[in-house]
Amino acid sequence: MHRVDLCRAVGRDLELTARHDGRIVADVVDEWARSHGSGFVLLLTGPAGGDWSSGAGGERNELDAIGFCRIVSGRASGDGLLAYPVPF
């Protein structure tokens, strides 16, 4: 998140890769899923994105992977399951 914040602050493009950033996002999603324990479908777009789900009939969210990380880190607000924070 610090790299995202720094790029935004200085007006530089953020370069993301599935191999590096996608792995970090996957770890965040896993911790987020454990924190709320509810069923969900999560579709994250962008180079660091992916698809995750757990349970049946849970909340469905589709958003940019970096947007998701900003929300669960507390840098932006989210509703429903996206209101569950992940400290990182």
N, C-alpha and C. Protein backbone atom coordinates (compact mmCIF):
# COMPACT_ATOMS: atom_id res chain seq x y z
N MET A 1 0.82 -1.18 0.00
CA MET A 1 0.00 0.00 0.00
C MET A 1 0.87 1.25 0.00
N HIS A 2 2.04 1.17 0.61
CA HIS A 2 2.91 2.35 0.61
C HIS A 2 3.34 2.71 -0.80
N ARG A 3 3.61 1.72 -1.62
CA ARG A 3 4.00 1.98 -3.01
C ARG A 3 2.86 2.65 -3.77
N VAL A 4 1.64 2.20 -3.54
CA VAL A 4 0.46 2.83 -4.17
C VAL A 4 0.35 4.27 -3.71
N ASP A 5 0.44 4.49 -2.41
CA ASP A 5 0.34 5.84 -1.87
C ASP A 5 1.42 6.77 -2.43
N LEU A 6 2.65 6.27 -2.51
CA LEU A 6 3.75 7.09 -3.03
C LEU A 6 3.55 7.44 -4.50
N CYS A 7 3.14 6.48 -5.29
CA CYS A 7 2.90 6.76 -6.72
C CYS A 7 1.80 7.80 -6.88
N ARG A 8 0.74 7.70 -6.10
CA ARG A 8 -0.33 8.69 -6.17
C ARG A 8 0.17 10.06 -5.74
N ALA A 9 1.00 10.10 -4.72
CA ALA A 9 1.48 11.38 -4.19
C ALA A 9 2.38 12.12 -5.18
N VAL A 10 3.18 11.37 -5.93
CA VAL A 10 4.11 12.02 -6.84
C VAL A 10 3.63 11.99 -8.30
N GLY A 11 2.44 11.47 -8.53
CA GLY A 11 1.87 11.47 -9.87
C GLY A 11 2.52 10.50 -10.84
N ARG A 12 3.04 9.39 -10.33
CA ARG A 12 3.66 8.39 -11.21
C ARG A 12 2.72 7.21 -11.40
N ASP A 13 2.86 6.55 -12.53
CA ASP A 13 2.07 5.37 -12.80
C ASP A 13 2.54 4.22 -11.91
N LEU A 14 1.59 3.45 -11.44
CA LEU A 14 1.89 2.27 -10.63
C LEU A 14 2.03 1.07 -11.56
N GLU A 15 3.15 0.42 -11.54
CA GLU A 15 3.37 -0.76 -12.37
C GLU A 15 3.14 -2.00 -11.54
N LEU A 16 2.16 -2.80 -11.96
CA LEU A 16 1.77 -4.00 -11.23
C LEU A 16 2.05 -5.24 -12.06
N THR A 17 2.37 -6.34 -11.40
CA THR A 17 2.53 -7.62 -12.08
C THR A 17 1.71 -8.67 -11.34
N ALA A 18 1.20 -9.62 -12.11
CA ALA A 18 0.44 -10.71 -11.51
C ALA A 18 1.33 -11.54 -10.59
N ARG A 19 2.55 -11.75 -10.99
CA ARG A 19 3.45 -12.62 -10.20
C ARG A 19 3.75 -12.02 -8.83
N HIS A 20 4.10 -10.76 -8.78
CA HIS A 20 4.46 -10.12 -7.51
C HIS A 20 3.23 -9.58 -6.78
N ASP A 21 2.56 -8.63 -7.40
CA ASP A 21 1.45 -7.95 -6.75
C ASP A 21 0.24 -8.87 -6.59
N GLY A 22 0.04 -9.77 -7.57
CA GLY A 22 -1.06 -10.72 -7.47
C GLY A 22 -0.92 -11.62 -6.26
N ARG A 23 0.29 -11.99 -5.93
CA ARG A 23 0.52 -12.84 -4.75
C ARG A 23 0.21 -12.08 -3.46
N ILE A 24 0.59 -10.83 -3.41
CA ILE A 24 0.29 -10.00 -2.24
C ILE A 24 -1.22 -9.85 -2.09
N VAL A 25 -1.91 -9.57 -3.18
CA VAL A 25 -3.37 -9.42 -3.13
C VAL A 25 -4.01 -10.73 -2.69
N ALA A 26 -3.54 -11.85 -3.19
CA ALA A 26 -4.09 -13.15 -2.78
C ALA A 26 -3.95 -13.36 -1.27
N ASP A 27 -2.81 -12.98 -0.71
CA ASP A 27 -2.62 -13.09 0.75
C ASP A 27 -3.60 -12.19 1.50
N VAL A 28 -3.82 -10.98 0.99
CA VAL A 28 -4.77 -10.05 1.63
C VAL A 28 -6.18 -10.63 1.57
N VAL A 29 -6.56 -11.18 0.42
CA VAL A 29 -7.89 -11.78 0.29
C VAL A 29 -8.06 -12.94 1.27
N ASP A 30 -7.05 -13.78 1.39
CA ASP A 30 -7.13 -14.91 2.33
C ASP A 30 -7.34 -14.43 3.77
N GLU A 31 -6.59 -13.43 4.16
CA GLU A 31 -6.73 -12.91 5.52
C GLU A 31 -8.10 -12.24 5.71
N TRP A 32 -8.55 -11.50 4.70
CA TRP A 32 -9.88 -10.86 4.75
C TRP A 32 -10.97 -11.92 4.89
N ALA A 33 -10.88 -12.99 4.11
CA ALA A 33 -11.89 -14.06 4.17
C ALA A 33 -11.93 -14.71 5.55
N ARG A 34 -10.77 -14.92 6.14
CA ARG A 34 -10.74 -15.49 7.51
C ARG A 34 -11.31 -14.53 8.53
N SER A 35 -11.15 -13.23 8.30
CA SER A 35 -11.61 -12.25 9.29
C SER A 35 -13.13 -12.18 9.39
N HIS A 36 -13.82 -12.39 8.27
CA HIS A 36 -15.29 -12.29 8.34
C HIS A 36 -15.98 -13.65 8.36
N GLY A 37 -15.37 -14.68 7.82
CA GLY A 37 -15.91 -16.03 7.90
C GLY A 37 -17.23 -16.25 7.17
N SER A 38 -17.66 -15.35 6.32
CA SER A 38 -18.92 -15.47 5.60
C SER A 38 -18.68 -15.93 4.16
N GLY A 39 -19.74 -16.43 3.54
CA GLY A 39 -19.66 -16.79 2.14
C GLY A 39 -19.52 -15.53 1.28
N PHE A 40 -18.80 -15.66 0.16
CA PHE A 40 -18.59 -14.51 -0.72
C PHE A 40 -18.15 -14.96 -2.10
N VAL A 41 -18.31 -14.07 -3.05
CA VAL A 41 -17.71 -14.16 -4.38
C VAL A 41 -16.99 -12.84 -4.58
N LEU A 42 -15.71 -12.90 -4.87
CA LEU A 42 -14.90 -11.70 -5.03
C LEU A 42 -14.18 -11.78 -6.37
N LEU A 43 -14.46 -10.82 -7.23
CA LEU A 43 -13.81 -10.72 -8.53
C LEU A 43 -12.99 -9.44 -8.55
N LEU A 44 -11.68 -9.59 -8.56
CA LEU A 44 -10.79 -8.44 -8.55
C LEU A 44 -10.15 -8.29 -9.93
N THR A 45 -10.24 -7.09 -10.47
CA THR A 45 -9.74 -6.82 -11.81
C THR A 45 -8.34 -6.21 -11.75
N GLY A 46 -7.72 -6.10 -12.90
CA GLY A 46 -6.40 -5.52 -13.01
C GLY A 46 -5.32 -6.59 -12.96
N PRO A 47 -4.07 -6.19 -13.18
CA PRO A 47 -2.96 -7.15 -13.23
C PRO A 47 -2.78 -7.96 -11.95
N ALA A 48 -3.17 -7.41 -10.82
CA ALA A 48 -3.01 -8.11 -9.53
C ALA A 48 -4.29 -8.81 -9.11
N GLY A 49 -5.28 -8.87 -9.99
CA GLY A 49 -6.59 -9.41 -9.64
C GLY A 49 -6.69 -10.91 -9.73
N GLY A 50 -7.91 -11.38 -9.54
CA GLY A 50 -8.21 -12.81 -9.58
C GLY A 50 -9.64 -13.03 -9.10
N ASP A 51 -10.02 -14.29 -9.00
CA ASP A 51 -11.36 -14.67 -8.56
C ASP A 51 -11.25 -15.52 -7.31
N TRP A 52 -12.06 -15.21 -6.32
CA TRP A 52 -12.11 -15.98 -5.08
C TRP A 52 -13.56 -16.18 -4.67
N SER A 53 -13.82 -17.28 -4.00
CA SER A 53 -15.16 -17.51 -3.47
C SER A 53 -15.08 -18.48 -2.31
N SER A 54 -16.11 -18.41 -1.48
CA SER A 54 -16.23 -19.31 -0.35
C SER A 54 -17.71 -19.41 0.01
N GLY A 55 -18.16 -20.61 0.33
CA GLY A 55 -19.55 -20.78 0.70
C GLY A 55 -20.48 -20.62 -0.48
N ALA A 56 -21.77 -20.61 -0.17
CA ALA A 56 -22.79 -20.48 -1.22
C ALA A 56 -23.70 -19.31 -0.91
N GLY A 57 -24.07 -18.59 -1.94
CA GLY A 57 -25.04 -17.51 -1.78
C GLY A 57 -24.55 -16.30 -1.01
N GLY A 58 -23.26 -16.12 -0.92
CA GLY A 58 -22.73 -14.98 -0.17
C GLY A 58 -22.70 -13.71 -0.99
N GLU A 59 -22.25 -12.67 -0.34
CA GLU A 59 -22.13 -11.35 -0.97
C GLU A 59 -21.18 -11.43 -2.17
N ARG A 60 -21.53 -10.71 -3.23
CA ARG A 60 -20.70 -10.67 -4.44
C ARG A 60 -20.15 -9.26 -4.61
N ASN A 61 -18.84 -9.17 -4.83
CA ASN A 61 -18.20 -7.88 -5.08
C ASN A 61 -17.27 -8.01 -6.27
N GLU A 62 -17.28 -7.00 -7.13
CA GLU A 62 -16.36 -6.92 -8.25
C GLU A 62 -15.75 -5.53 -8.26
N LEU A 63 -14.43 -5.46 -8.15
CA LEU A 63 -13.73 -4.18 -8.14
C LEU A 63 -12.27 -4.38 -8.47
N ASP A 64 -11.57 -3.30 -8.68
CA ASP A 64 -10.14 -3.32 -8.95
C ASP A 64 -9.40 -3.87 -7.73
N ALA A 65 -8.36 -4.67 -7.99
CA ALA A 65 -7.60 -5.29 -6.89
C ALA A 65 -6.98 -4.24 -5.96
N ILE A 66 -6.44 -3.17 -6.52
CA ILE A 66 -5.84 -2.13 -5.69
C ILE A 66 -6.92 -1.39 -4.92
N GLY A 67 -8.06 -1.16 -5.54
CA GLY A 67 -9.19 -0.56 -4.84
C GLY A 67 -9.63 -1.41 -3.65
N PHE A 68 -9.68 -2.73 -3.85
CA PHE A 68 -10.01 -3.64 -2.76
C PHE A 68 -9.02 -3.50 -1.61
N CYS A 69 -7.74 -3.50 -1.92
CA CYS A 69 -6.71 -3.38 -0.88
C CYS A 69 -6.80 -2.04 -0.17
N ARG A 70 -7.08 -0.98 -0.91
CA ARG A 70 -7.25 0.34 -0.28
C ARG A 70 -8.43 0.33 0.70
N ILE A 71 -9.51 -0.34 0.32
CA ILE A 71 -10.69 -0.40 1.19
C ILE A 71 -10.39 -1.19 2.46
N VAL A 72 -9.89 -2.42 2.31
CA VAL A 72 -9.70 -3.25 3.50
C VAL A 72 -8.54 -2.78 4.37
N SER A 73 -7.66 -1.93 3.81
CA SER A 73 -6.57 -1.37 4.63
C SER A 73 -7.02 -0.14 5.41
N GLY A 74 -8.24 0.36 5.11
CA GLY A 74 -8.75 1.54 5.80
C GLY A 74 -8.45 2.84 5.08
N ARG A 75 -7.84 2.77 3.88
CA ARG A 75 -7.55 3.99 3.12
C ARG A 75 -8.77 4.49 2.34
N ALA A 76 -9.79 3.64 2.23
CA ALA A 76 -11.07 3.99 1.61
C ALA A 76 -12.14 3.23 2.38
N SER A 77 -13.39 3.60 2.19
CA SER A 77 -14.46 2.93 2.95
C SER A 77 -15.17 1.90 2.08
N GLY A 78 -15.70 0.89 2.74
CA GLY A 78 -16.44 -0.16 2.07
C GLY A 78 -17.65 -0.56 2.88
N ASP A 79 -18.62 -1.15 2.19
CA ASP A 79 -19.86 -1.61 2.83
C ASP A 79 -19.89 -3.14 2.85
N GLY A 80 -20.76 -3.67 3.68
CA GLY A 80 -20.93 -5.11 3.75
C GLY A 80 -19.64 -5.79 4.18
N LEU A 81 -19.29 -6.86 3.50
CA LEU A 81 -18.07 -7.58 3.85
C LEU A 81 -16.82 -6.74 3.62
N LEU A 82 -16.90 -5.76 2.72
CA LEU A 82 -15.74 -4.91 2.47
C LEU A 82 -15.44 -3.99 3.66
N ALA A 83 -16.31 -3.96 4.64
CA ALA A 83 -16.06 -3.15 5.84
C ALA A 83 -15.13 -3.89 6.82
N TYR A 84 -14.85 -5.18 6.56
CA TYR A 84 -13.94 -5.92 7.44
C TYR A 84 -12.50 -5.55 7.12
N PRO A 85 -11.78 -5.01 8.09
CA PRO A 85 -10.41 -4.56 7.81
C PRO A 85 -9.38 -5.69 7.81
N VAL A 86 -8.30 -5.44 7.11
CA VAL A 86 -7.12 -6.31 7.13
C VAL A 86 -5.95 -5.41 7.50
N PRO A 87 -5.37 -5.60 8.67
CA PRO A 87 -4.23 -4.76 9.06
C PRO A 87 -2.97 -5.14 8.29
N PHE A 88 -2.50 -4.22 7.47
CA PHE A 88 -1.23 -4.41 6.78
C PHE A 88 -0.64 -3.10 6.40
